[in-house]
Amino acid sequence: MMQSITVRLGIVIREIRKSQNLTQEELAEKIGTSFSYIGRLERGEGNFTVQTLEKITNALNIDFFDFMSLVKKENEILLEVNSLLLQQDEDNQLRGLNILKELYRR
């Protein structure tokens, strides 16, 4: 199942924000909103306007179109991982999932 665009946008926002060592509160302050709104956006629970995305990309010091390229790349990577797993039997799918979980445990 393909992720919704709002989920994919949220994932990329969270990754960039964390890579810059910003909290949700700090990002929210930069764009004039609440940290709970940022949290909802990062979880894909809110709707984005172009104006909101522009504020977020400006606050994160990333060009809007570069940001959208990252969203597209994120989707391509997820589709490739999904395709690889779907080619496996159930045991190997679970093995692959467990390997990914172990690699990216936080």
PDB file of N, CA and C in Angstrom:
ATOM      1  N   MET A   1       0.842  -1.185   0.000  1.00  0.00           N
ATOM      2  CA  MET A   1       0.000   0.000   0.000  1.00  0.00           C
ATOM      3  C   MET A   1       0.884   1.244   0.000  1.00  0.00           C
ATOM      4  N   MET A   2       0.574   2.187  -0.857  1.00  0.00           N
ATOM      5  CA  MET A   2       1.367   3.395  -0.968  1.00  0.00           C
ATOM      6  C   MET A   2       0.950   4.395   0.110  1.00  0.00           C
ATOM      7  N   GLN A   3       1.946   5.071   0.689  1.00  0.00           N
ATOM      8  CA  GLN A   3       1.664   6.065   1.705  1.00  0.00           C
ATOM      9  C   GLN A   3       1.025   7.288   1.084  1.00  0.00           C
ATOM     10  N   SER A   4       0.204   7.955   1.884  1.00  0.00           N
ATOM     11  CA  SER A   4      -0.394   9.195   1.405  1.00  0.00           C
ATOM     12  C   SER A   4       0.685  10.267   1.302  1.00  0.00           C
ATOM     13  N   ILE A   5       0.420  11.267   0.509  1.00  0.00           N
ATOM     14  CA  ILE A   5       1.373  12.361   0.324  1.00  0.00           C
ATOM     15  C   ILE A   5       1.603  13.088   1.644  1.00  0.00           C
ATOM     16  N   THR A   6       0.578  13.216   2.473  1.00  0.00           N
ATOM     17  CA  THR A   6       0.763  13.920   3.748  1.00  0.00           C
ATOM     18  C   THR A   6       1.701  13.146   4.666  1.00  0.00           C
ATOM     19  N   VAL A   7       1.623  11.826   4.651  1.00  0.00           N
ATOM     20  CA  VAL A   7       2.537  11.010   5.468  1.00  0.00           C
ATOM     21  C   VAL A   7       3.962  11.164   4.950  1.00  0.00           C
ATOM     22  N   ARG A   8       4.136  11.101   3.637  1.00  0.00           N
ATOM     23  CA  ARG A   8       5.475  11.227   3.055  1.00  0.00           C
ATOM     24  C   ARG A   8       6.068  12.610   3.328  1.00  0.00           C
ATOM     25  N   LEU A   9       5.248  13.653   3.202  1.00  0.00           N
ATOM     26  CA  LEU A   9       5.730  15.000   3.512  1.00  0.00           C
ATOM     27  C   LEU A   9       6.163  15.081   4.974  1.00  0.00           C
ATOM     28  N   GLY A  10       5.357  14.532   5.857  1.00  0.00           N
ATOM     29  CA  GLY A  10       5.664  14.561   7.288  1.00  0.00           C
ATOM     30  C   GLY A  10       6.946  13.840   7.626  1.00  0.00           C
ATOM     31  N   ILE A  11       7.170  12.694   6.996  1.00  0.00           N
ATOM     32  CA  ILE A  11       8.400  11.929   7.239  1.00  0.00           C
ATOM     33  C   ILE A  11       9.623  12.757   6.860  1.00  0.00           C
ATOM     34  N   VAL A  12       9.574  13.392   5.710  1.00  0.00           N
ATOM     35  CA  VAL A  12      10.725  14.180   5.252  1.00  0.00           C
ATOM     36  C   VAL A  12      10.926  15.404   6.140  1.00  0.00           C
ATOM     37  N   ILE A  13       9.854  16.061   6.537  1.00  0.00           N
ATOM     38  CA  ILE A  13       9.982  17.213   7.447  1.00  0.00           C
ATOM     39  C   ILE A  13      10.656  16.773   8.741  1.00  0.00           C
ATOM     40  N   ARG A  14      10.189  15.663   9.309  1.00  0.00           N
ATOM     41  CA  ARG A  14      10.777  15.164  10.564  1.00  0.00           C
ATOM     42  C   ARG A  14      12.264  14.845  10.388  1.00  0.00           C
ATOM     43  N   GLU A  15      12.613  14.182   9.289  1.00  0.00           N
ATOM     44  CA  GLU A  15      14.021  13.829   9.062  1.00  0.00           C
ATOM     45  C   GLU A  15      14.897  15.067   8.958  1.00  0.00           C
ATOM     46  N   ILE A  16      14.441  16.063   8.211  1.00  0.00           N
ATOM     47  CA  ILE A  16      15.237  17.286   8.052  1.00  0.00           C
ATOM     48  C   ILE A  16      15.322  18.032   9.382  1.00  0.00           C
ATOM     49  N   ARG A  17      14.192  18.142  10.075  1.00  0.00           N
ATOM     50  CA  ARG A  17      14.177  18.849  11.367  1.00  0.00           C
ATOM     51  C   ARG A  17      15.148  18.201  12.345  1.00  0.00           C
ATOM     52  N   LYS A  18      15.089  16.873  12.446  1.00  0.00           N
ATOM     53  CA  LYS A  18      15.981  16.173  13.373  1.00  0.00           C
ATOM     54  C   LYS A  18      17.443  16.288  12.950  1.00  0.00           C
ATOM     55  N   SER A  19      17.700  16.270  11.630  1.00  0.00           N
ATOM     56  CA  SER A  19      19.085  16.391  11.161  1.00  0.00           C
ATOM     57  C   SER A  19      19.669  17.759  11.513  1.00  0.00           C
ATOM     58  N   GLN A  20      18.802  18.731  11.725  1.00  0.00           N
ATOM     59  CA  GLN A  20      19.238  20.081  12.104  1.00  0.00           C
ATOM     60  C   GLN A  20      19.157  20.295  13.614  1.00  0.00           C
ATOM     61  N   ASN A  21      18.883  19.216  14.343  1.00  0.00           N
ATOM     62  CA  ASN A  21      18.778  19.263  15.807  1.00  0.00           C
ATOM     63  C   ASN A  21      17.758  20.288  16.290  1.00  0.00           C
ATOM     64  N   LEU A  22      16.662  20.390  15.551  1.00  0.00           N
ATOM     65  CA  LEU A  22      15.564  21.266  15.950  1.00  0.00           C
ATOM     66  C   LEU A  22      14.479  20.438  16.619  1.00  0.00           C
ATOM     67  N   THR A  23      13.864  20.993  17.650  1.00  0.00           N
ATOM     68  CA  THR A  23      12.703  20.354  18.252  1.00  0.00           C
ATOM     69  C   THR A  23      11.455  20.788  17.492  1.00  0.00           C
ATOM     70  N   GLN A  24      10.373  20.089  17.728  1.00  0.00           N
ATOM     71  CA  GLN A  24       9.102  20.510  17.130  1.00  0.00           C
ATOM     72  C   GLN A  24       8.737  21.899  17.622  1.00  0.00           C
ATOM     73  N   GLU A  25       9.044  22.192  18.875  1.00  0.00           N
ATOM     74  CA  GLU A  25       8.750  23.504  19.440  1.00  0.00           C
ATOM     75  C   GLU A  25       9.519  24.604  18.710  1.00  0.00           C
ATOM     76  N   GLU A  26      10.802  24.338  18.430  1.00  0.00           N
ATOM     77  CA  GLU A  26      11.625  25.342  17.748  1.00  0.00           C
ATOM     78  C   GLU A  26      11.141  25.588  16.328  1.00  0.00           C
ATOM     79  N   LEU A  27      10.792  24.509  15.621  1.00  0.00           N
ATOM     80  CA  LEU A  27      10.264  24.681  14.263  1.00  0.00           C
ATOM     81  C   LEU A  27       8.938  25.433  14.301  1.00  0.00           C
ATOM     82  N   ALA A  28       8.083  25.066  15.239  1.00  0.00           N
ATOM     83  CA  ALA A  28       6.784  25.739  15.366  1.00  0.00           C
ATOM     84  C   ALA A  28       6.969  27.232  15.607  1.00  0.00           C
ATOM     85  N   GLU A  29       7.916  27.581  16.467  1.00  0.00           N
ATOM     86  CA  GLU A  29       8.172  28.992  16.757  1.00  0.00           C
ATOM     87  C   GLU A  29       8.623  29.730  15.498  1.00  0.00           C
ATOM     88  N   LYS A  30       9.470  29.089  14.703  1.00  0.00           N
ATOM     89  CA  LYS A  30       9.977  29.716  13.483  1.00  0.00           C
ATOM     90  C   LYS A  30       8.866  30.013  12.472  1.00  0.00           C
ATOM     91  N   ILE A  31       7.813  29.177  12.449  1.00  0.00           N
ATOM     92  CA  ILE A  31       6.756  29.405  11.461  1.00  0.00           C
ATOM     93  C   ILE A  31       5.485  29.981  12.076  1.00  0.00           C
ATOM     94  N   GLY A  32       5.523  30.231  13.371  1.00  0.00           N
ATOM     95  CA  GLY A  32       4.389  30.881  14.020  1.00  0.00           C
ATOM     96  C   GLY A  32       3.191  29.979  14.245  1.00  0.00           C
ATOM     97  N   THR A  33       3.453  28.765  14.714  1.00  0.00           N
ATOM     98  CA  THR A  33       2.361  27.826  14.995  1.00  0.00           C
ATOM     99  C   THR A  33       2.696  27.050  16.263  1.00  0.00           C
ATOM    100  N   SER A  34       1.891  26.076  16.594  1.00  0.00           N
ATOM    101  CA  SER A  34       2.122  25.290  17.809  1.00  0.00           C
ATOM    102  C   SER A  34       2.911  24.026  17.499  1.00  0.00           C
ATOM    103  N   PHE A  35       3.603  23.517  18.521  1.00  0.00           N
ATOM    104  CA  PHE A  35       4.370  22.279  18.333  1.00  0.00           C
ATOM    105  C   PHE A  35       3.436  21.107  18.081  1.00  0.00           C
ATOM    106  N   SER A  36       2.220  21.158  18.616  1.00  0.00           N
ATOM    107  CA  SER A  36       1.281  20.054  18.387  1.00  0.00           C
ATOM    108  C   SER A  36       0.861  20.000  16.913  1.00  0.00           C
ATOM    109  N   TYR A  37       0.773  21.157  16.278  1.00  0.00           N
ATOM    110  CA  TYR A  37       0.469  21.196  14.846  1.00  0.00           C
ATOM    111  C   TYR A  37       1.607  20.571  14.049  1.00  0.00           C
ATOM    112  N   ILE A  38       2.847  20.890  14.417  1.00  0.00           N
ATOM    113  CA  ILE A  38       4.011  20.298  13.746  1.00  0.00           C
ATOM    114  C   ILE A  38       3.978  18.782  13.929  1.00  0.00           C
ATOM    115  N   GLY A  39       3.677  18.331  15.133  1.00  0.00           N
ATOM    116  CA  GLY A  39       3.587  16.895  15.392  1.00  0.00           C
ATOM    117  C   GLY A  39       2.542  16.218  14.522  1.00  0.00           C
ATOM    118  N   ARG A  40       1.383  16.858  14.379  1.00  0.00           N
ATOM    119  CA  ARG A  40       0.323  16.295  13.521  1.00  0.00           C
ATOM    120  C   ARG A  40       0.778  16.236  12.068  1.00  0.00           C
ATOM    121  N   LEU A  41       1.444  17.287  11.614  1.00  0.00           N
ATOM    122  CA  LEU A  41       1.940  17.286  10.231  1.00  0.00           C
ATOM    123  C   LEU A  41       2.974  16.181  10.027  1.00  0.00           C
ATOM    124  N   GLU A  42       3.880  16.032  10.979  1.00  0.00           N
ATOM    125  CA  GLU A  42       4.926  15.016  10.847  1.00  0.00           C
ATOM    126  C   GLU A  42       4.345  13.595  10.866  1.00  0.00           C
ATOM    127  N   ARG A  43       3.227  13.412  11.529  1.00  0.00           N
ATOM    128  CA  ARG A  43       2.579  12.097  11.548  1.00  0.00           C
ATOM    129  C   ARG A  43       1.624  11.904  10.370  1.00  0.00           C
ATOM    130  N   GLY A  44       1.504  12.912   9.524  1.00  0.00           N
ATOM    131  CA  GLY A  44       0.618  12.813   8.370  1.00  0.00           C
ATOM    132  C   GLY A  44      -0.846  12.966   8.726  1.00  0.00           C
ATOM    133  N   GLU A  45      -1.109  13.580   9.869  1.00  0.00           N
ATOM    134  CA  GLU A  45      -2.485  13.731  10.341  1.00  0.00           C
ATOM    135  C   GLU A  45      -3.101  15.071   9.971  1.00  0.00           C
ATOM    136  N   GLY A  46      -2.337  15.954   9.408  1.00  0.00           N
ATOM    137  CA  GLY A  46      -2.857  17.266   9.042  1.00  0.00           C
ATOM    138  C   GLY A  46      -2.740  17.489   7.553  1.00  0.00           C
ATOM    139  N   ASN A  47      -3.440  18.489   7.086  1.00  0.00           N
ATOM    140  CA  ASN A  47      -3.347  18.858   5.675  1.00  0.00           C
ATOM    141  C   ASN A  47      -2.400  20.039   5.527  1.00  0.00           C
ATOM    142  N   PHE A  48      -1.594  19.977   4.490  1.00  0.00           N
ATOM    143  CA  PHE A  48      -0.624  21.023   4.207  1.00  0.00           C
ATOM    144  C   PHE A  48      -1.197  21.986   3.178  1.00  0.00           C
ATOM    145  N   THR A  49      -0.912  23.261   3.380  1.00  0.00           N
ATOM    146  CA  THR A  49      -1.129  24.219   2.300  1.00  0.00           C
ATOM    147  C   THR A  49       0.239  24.501   1.705  1.00  0.00           C
ATOM    148  N   VAL A  50       0.265  25.007   0.513  1.00  0.00           N
ATOM    149  CA  VAL A  50       1.539  25.375  -0.107  1.00  0.00           C
ATOM    150  C   VAL A  50       2.217  26.440   0.741  1.00  0.00           C
ATOM    151  N   GLN A  51       1.436  27.358   1.297  1.00  0.00           N
ATOM    152  CA  GLN A  51       2.003  28.409   2.132  1.00  0.00           C
ATOM    153  C   GLN A  51       2.669  27.826   3.380  1.00  0.00           C
ATOM    154  N   THR A  52       2.038  26.821   3.990  1.00  0.00           N
ATOM    155  CA  THR A  52       2.631  26.174   5.164  1.00  0.00           C
ATOM    156  C   THR A  52       3.924  25.472   4.786  1.00  0.00           C
ATOM    157  N   LEU A  53       3.904  24.749   3.670  1.00  0.00           N
ATOM    158  CA  LEU A  53       5.124  24.076   3.220  1.00  0.00           C
ATOM    159  C   LEU A  53       6.233  25.078   2.934  1.00  0.00           C
ATOM    160  N   GLU A  54       5.879  26.202   2.351  1.00  0.00           N
ATOM    161  CA  GLU A  54       6.876  27.232   2.074  1.00  0.00           C
ATOM    162  C   GLU A  54       7.474  27.767   3.372  1.00  0.00           C
ATOM    163  N   LYS A  55       6.640  28.011   4.382  1.00  0.00           N
ATOM    164  CA  LYS A  55       7.140  28.479   5.679  1.00  0.00           C
ATOM    165  C   LYS A  55       8.074  27.448   6.306  1.00  0.00           C
ATOM    166  N   ILE A  56       7.672  26.186   6.227  1.00  0.00           N
ATOM    167  CA  ILE A  56       8.487  25.116   6.822  1.00  0.00           C
ATOM    168  C   ILE A  56       9.819  24.990   6.101  1.00  0.00           C
ATOM    169  N   THR A  57       9.789  24.974   4.774  1.00  0.00           N
ATOM    170  CA  THR A  57      11.051  24.842   4.034  1.00  0.00           C
ATOM    171  C   THR A  57      11.958  26.046   4.279  1.00  0.00           C
ATOM    172  N   ASN A  58      11.382  27.242   4.368  1.00  0.00           N
ATOM    173  CA  ASN A  58      12.188  28.428   4.686  1.00  0.00           C
ATOM    174  C   ASN A  58      12.803  28.297   6.076  1.00  0.00           C
ATOM    175  N   ALA A  59      12.005  27.843   7.039  1.00  0.00           N
ATOM    176  CA  ALA A  59      12.505  27.690   8.405  1.00  0.00           C
ATOM    177  C   ALA A  59      13.604  26.642   8.485  1.00  0.00           C
ATOM    178  N   LEU A  60      13.524  25.630   7.622  1.00  0.00           N
ATOM    179  CA  LEU A  60      14.529  24.565   7.600  1.00  0.00           C
ATOM    180  C   LEU A  60      15.690  24.879   6.649  1.00  0.00           C
ATOM    181  N   ASN A  61      15.636  26.059   6.055  1.00  0.00           N
ATOM    182  CA  ASN A  61      16.694  26.506   5.124  1.00  0.00           C
ATOM    183  C   ASN A  61      16.910  25.527   3.972  1.00  0.00           C
ATOM    184  N   ILE A  62      15.805  25.081   3.394  1.00  0.00           N
ATOM    185  CA  ILE A  62      15.891  24.197   2.232  1.00  0.00           C
ATOM    186  C   ILE A  62      14.976  24.748   1.145  1.00  0.00           C
ATOM    187  N   ASP A  63      15.453  24.737  -0.067  1.00  0.00           N
ATOM    188  CA  ASP A  63      14.660  25.191  -1.205  1.00  0.00           C
ATOM    189  C   ASP A  63      13.413  24.320  -1.323  1.00  0.00           C
ATOM    190  N   PHE A  64      12.287  24.945  -1.593  1.00  0.00           N
ATOM    191  CA  PHE A  64      11.009  24.239  -1.701  1.00  0.00           C
ATOM    192  C   PHE A  64      11.083  23.086  -2.696  1.00  0.00           C
ATOM    193  N   PHE A  65      11.676  23.318  -3.847  1.00  0.00           N
ATOM    194  CA  PHE A  65      11.723  22.287  -4.886  1.00  0.00           C
ATOM    195  C   PHE A  65      12.727  21.187  -4.550  1.00  0.00           C
ATOM    196  N   ASP A  66      13.793  21.529  -3.831  1.00  0.00           N
ATOM    197  CA  ASP A  66      14.706  20.501  -3.328  1.00  0.00           C
ATOM    198  C   ASP A  66      13.979  19.622  -2.312  1.00  0.00           C
ATOM    199  N   PHE A  67      13.178  20.258  -1.478  1.00  0.00           N
ATOM    200  CA  PHE A  67      12.377  19.512  -0.500  1.00  0.00           C
ATOM    201  C   PHE A  67      11.445  18.525  -1.208  1.00  0.00           C
ATOM    202  N   MET A  68      10.754  18.997  -2.232  1.00  0.00           N
ATOM    203  CA  MET A  68       9.833  18.125  -2.953  1.00  0.00           C
ATOM    204  C   MET A  68      10.582  16.974  -3.632  1.00  0.00           C
ATOM    205  N   SER A  69      11.802  17.214  -4.077  1.00  0.00           N
ATOM    206  CA  SER A  69      12.622  16.142  -4.648  1.00  0.00           C
ATOM    207  C   SER A  69      12.937  15.089  -3.597  1.00  0.00           C
ATOM    208  N   LEU A  70      13.188  15.539  -2.361  1.00  0.00           N
ATOM    209  CA  LEU A  70      13.429  14.584  -1.275  1.00  0.00           C
ATOM    210  C   LEU A  70      12.196  13.742  -0.997  1.00  0.00           C
ATOM    211  N   VAL A  71      11.024  14.361  -1.065  1.00  0.00           N
ATOM    212  CA  VAL A  71       9.775  13.620  -0.864  1.00  0.00           C
ATOM    213  C   VAL A  71       9.637  12.562  -1.948  1.00  0.00           C
ATOM    214  N   LYS A  72       9.931  12.932  -3.182  1.00  0.00           N
ATOM    215  CA  LYS A  72       9.848  11.980  -4.291  1.00  0.00           C
ATOM    216  C   LYS A  72      10.863  10.850  -4.102  1.00  0.00           C
ATOM    217  N   LYS A  73      12.081  11.205  -3.718  1.00  0.00           N
ATOM    218  CA  LYS A  73      13.120  10.195  -3.501  1.00  0.00           C
ATOM    219  C   LYS A  73      12.714   9.254  -2.378  1.00  0.00           C
ATOM    220  N   GLU A  74      12.156   9.797  -1.309  1.00  0.00           N
ATOM    221  CA  GLU A  74      11.675   8.984  -0.189  1.00  0.00           C
ATOM    222  C   GLU A  74      10.674   7.957  -0.691  1.00  0.00           C
ATOM    223  N   ASN A  75       9.762   8.374  -1.532  1.00  0.00           N
ATOM    224  CA  ASN A  75       8.753   7.472  -2.079  1.00  0.00           C
ATOM    225  C   ASN A  75       9.401   6.397  -2.943  1.00  0.00           C
ATOM    226  N   GLU A  76      10.368   6.766  -3.757  1.00  0.00           N
ATOM    227  CA  GLU A  76      11.032   5.795  -4.634  1.00  0.00           C
ATOM    228  C   GLU A  76      11.765   4.747  -3.822  1.00  0.00           C
ATOM    229  N   ILE A  77      12.413   5.170  -2.743  1.00  0.00           N
ATOM    230  CA  ILE A  77      13.125   4.229  -1.878  1.00  0.00           C
ATOM    231  C   ILE A  77      12.146   3.275  -1.209  1.00  0.00           C
ATOM    232  N   LEU A  78      11.054   3.812  -0.682  1.00  0.00           N
ATOM    233  CA  LEU A  78      10.057   2.965  -0.039  1.00  0.00           C
ATOM    234  C   LEU A  78       9.457   1.964  -1.018  1.00  0.00           C
ATOM    235  N   LEU A  79       9.202   2.410  -2.240  1.00  0.00           N
ATOM    236  CA  LEU A  79       8.657   1.493  -3.243  1.00  0.00           C
ATOM    237  C   LEU A  79       9.646   0.387  -3.581  1.00  0.00           C
ATOM    238  N   GLU A  80      10.936   0.723  -3.640  1.00  0.00           N
ATOM    239  CA  GLU A  80      11.950  -0.285  -3.937  1.00  0.00           C
ATOM    240  C   GLU A  80      12.061  -1.305  -2.810  1.00  0.00           C
ATOM    241  N   VAL A  81      12.065  -0.826  -1.561  1.00  0.00           N
ATOM    242  CA  VAL A  81      12.108  -1.745  -0.412  1.00  0.00           C
ATOM    243  C   VAL A  81      10.876  -2.637  -0.423  1.00  0.00           C
ATOM    244  N   ASN A  82       9.724  -2.043  -0.656  1.00  0.00           N
ATOM    245  CA  ASN A  82       8.481  -2.802  -0.713  1.00  0.00           C
ATOM    246  C   ASN A  82       8.542  -3.876  -1.802  1.00  0.00           C
ATOM    247  N   SER A  83       9.034  -3.501  -2.964  1.00  0.00           N
ATOM    248  CA  SER A  83       9.135  -4.439  -4.075  1.00  0.00           C
ATOM    249  C   SER A  83      10.060  -5.605  -3.730  1.00  0.00           C
ATOM    250  N   LEU A  84      11.201  -5.295  -3.113  1.00  0.00           N
ATOM    251  CA  LEU A  84      12.132  -6.355  -2.721  1.00  0.00           C
ATOM    252  C   LEU A  84      11.499  -7.323  -1.729  1.00  0.00           C
ATOM    253  N   LEU A  85      10.788  -6.778  -0.745  1.00  0.00           N
ATOM    254  CA  LEU A  85      10.157  -7.640   0.257  1.00  0.00           C
ATOM    255  C   LEU A  85       9.041  -8.479  -0.345  1.00  0.00           C
ATOM    256  N   LEU A  86       8.283  -7.913  -1.265  1.00  0.00           N
ATOM    257  CA  LEU A  86       7.175  -8.651  -1.862  1.00  0.00           C
ATOM    258  C   LEU A  86       7.648  -9.828  -2.711  1.00  0.00           C
ATOM    259  N   GLN A  87       8.886  -9.801  -3.153  1.00  0.00           N
ATOM    260  CA  GLN A  87       9.437 -10.887  -3.958  1.00  0.00           C
ATOM    261  C   GLN A  87       9.850 -12.082  -3.093  1.00  0.00           C
ATOM    262  N   GLN A  88       9.788 -11.915  -1.775  1.00  0.00           N
ATOM    263  CA  GLN A  88      10.240 -12.956  -0.852  1.00  0.00           C
ATOM    264  C   GLN A  88       9.059 -13.737  -0.271  1.00  0.00           C
ATOM    265  N   ASP A  89       9.365 -14.942   0.244  1.00  0.00           N
ATOM    266  CA  ASP A  89       8.327 -15.673   0.970  1.00  0.00           C
ATOM    267  C   ASP A  89       8.133 -15.008   2.334  1.00  0.00           C
ATOM    268  N   GLU A  90       7.118 -15.417   3.055  1.00  0.00           N
ATOM    269  CA  GLU A  90       6.767 -14.744   4.311  1.00  0.00           C
ATOM    270  C   GLU A  90       7.901 -14.781   5.336  1.00  0.00           C
ATOM    271  N   ASP A  91       8.597 -15.897   5.447  1.00  0.00           N
ATOM    272  CA  ASP A  91       9.709 -15.988   6.397  1.00  0.00           C
ATOM    273  C   ASP A  91      10.794 -14.959   6.080  1.00  0.00           C
ATOM    274  N   ASN A  92      11.150 -14.847   4.804  1.00  0.00           N
ATOM    275  CA  ASN A  92      12.177 -13.879   4.416  1.00  0.00           C
ATOM    276  C   ASN A  92      11.680 -12.437   4.535  1.00  0.00           C
ATOM    277  N   GLN A  93      10.386 -12.220   4.334  1.00  0.00           N
ATOM    278  CA  GLN A  93       9.835 -10.882   4.540  1.00  0.00           C
ATOM    279  C   GLN A  93       9.997 -10.474   6.000  1.00  0.00           C
ATOM    280  N   LEU A  94       9.656 -11.371   6.900  1.00  0.00           N
ATOM    281  CA  LEU A  94       9.797 -11.078   8.331  1.00  0.00           C
ATOM    282  C   LEU A  94      11.256 -10.895   8.720  1.00  0.00           C
ATOM    283  N   ARG A  95      12.127 -11.706   8.154  1.00  0.00           N
ATOM    284  CA  ARG A  95      13.565 -11.586   8.408  1.00  0.00           C
ATOM    285  C   ARG A  95      14.058 -10.210   7.944  1.00  0.00           C
ATOM    286  N   GLY A  96      13.655  -9.801   6.750  1.00  0.00           N
ATOM    287  CA  GLY A  96      14.047  -8.496   6.226  1.00  0.00           C
ATOM    288  C   GLY A  96      13.514  -7.356   7.081  1.00  0.00           C
ATOM    289  N   LEU A  97      12.276  -7.469   7.509  1.00  0.00           N
ATOM    290  CA  LEU A  97      11.677  -6.444   8.366  1.00  0.00           C
ATOM    291  C   LEU A  97      12.438  -6.348   9.687  1.00  0.00           C
ATOM    292  N   ASN A  98      12.769  -7.492  10.272  1.00  0.00           N
ATOM    293  CA  ASN A  98      13.513  -7.486  11.533  1.00  0.00           C
ATOM    294  C   ASN A  98      14.903  -6.884  11.364  1.00  0.00           C
ATOM    295  N   ILE A  99      15.543  -7.145  10.241  1.00  0.00           N
ATOM    296  CA  ILE A  99      16.856  -6.552   9.969  1.00  0.00           C
ATOM    297  C   ILE A  99      16.729  -5.029   9.895  1.00  0.00           C
ATOM    298  N   LEU A 100      15.712  -4.537   9.172  1.00  0.00           N
ATOM    299  CA  LEU A 100      15.503  -3.093   9.070  1.00  0.00           C
ATOM    300  C   LEU A 100      15.211  -2.481  10.439  1.00  0.00           C
ATOM    301  N   LYS A 101      14.385  -3.156  11.220  1.00  0.00           N
ATOM    302  CA  LYS A 101      14.083  -2.642  12.570  1.00  0.00           C
ATOM    303  C   LYS A 101      15.344  -2.553  13.421  1.00  0.00           C
ATOM    304  N   GLU A 102      16.189  -3.574  13.336  1.00  0.00           N
ATOM    305  CA  GLU A 102      17.427  -3.586  14.107  1.00  0.00           C
ATOM    306  C   GLU A 102      18.374  -2.483  13.646  1.00  0.00           C
ATOM    307  N   LEU A 103      18.479  -2.297  12.346  1.00  0.00           N
ATOM    308  CA  LEU A 103      19.360  -1.256  11.807  1.00  0.00           C
ATOM    309  C   LEU A 103      18.931   0.137  12.222  1.00  0.00           C
ATOM    310  N   TYR A 104      17.627   0.370  12.281  1.00  0.00           N
ATOM    311  CA  TYR A 104      17.126   1.729  12.500  1.00  0.00           C
ATOM    312  C   TYR A 104      16.478   1.923  13.862  1.00  0.00           C
ATOM    313  N   ARG A 105      16.798   1.043  14.793  1.00  0.00           N
ATOM    314  CA  ARG A 105      16.277   1.191  16.158  1.00  0.00           C
ATOM    315  C   ARG A 105      16.817   2.476  16.746  1.00  0.00           C
ATOM    316  N   ARG A 106      15.930   3.222  17.386  1.00  0.00           N
ATOM    317  CA  ARG A 106      16.347   4.503  18.000  1.00  0.00           C
ATOM    318  C   ARG A 106      16.304   4.405  19.485  1.00  0.00           C
TER     319      ARG A 106
END
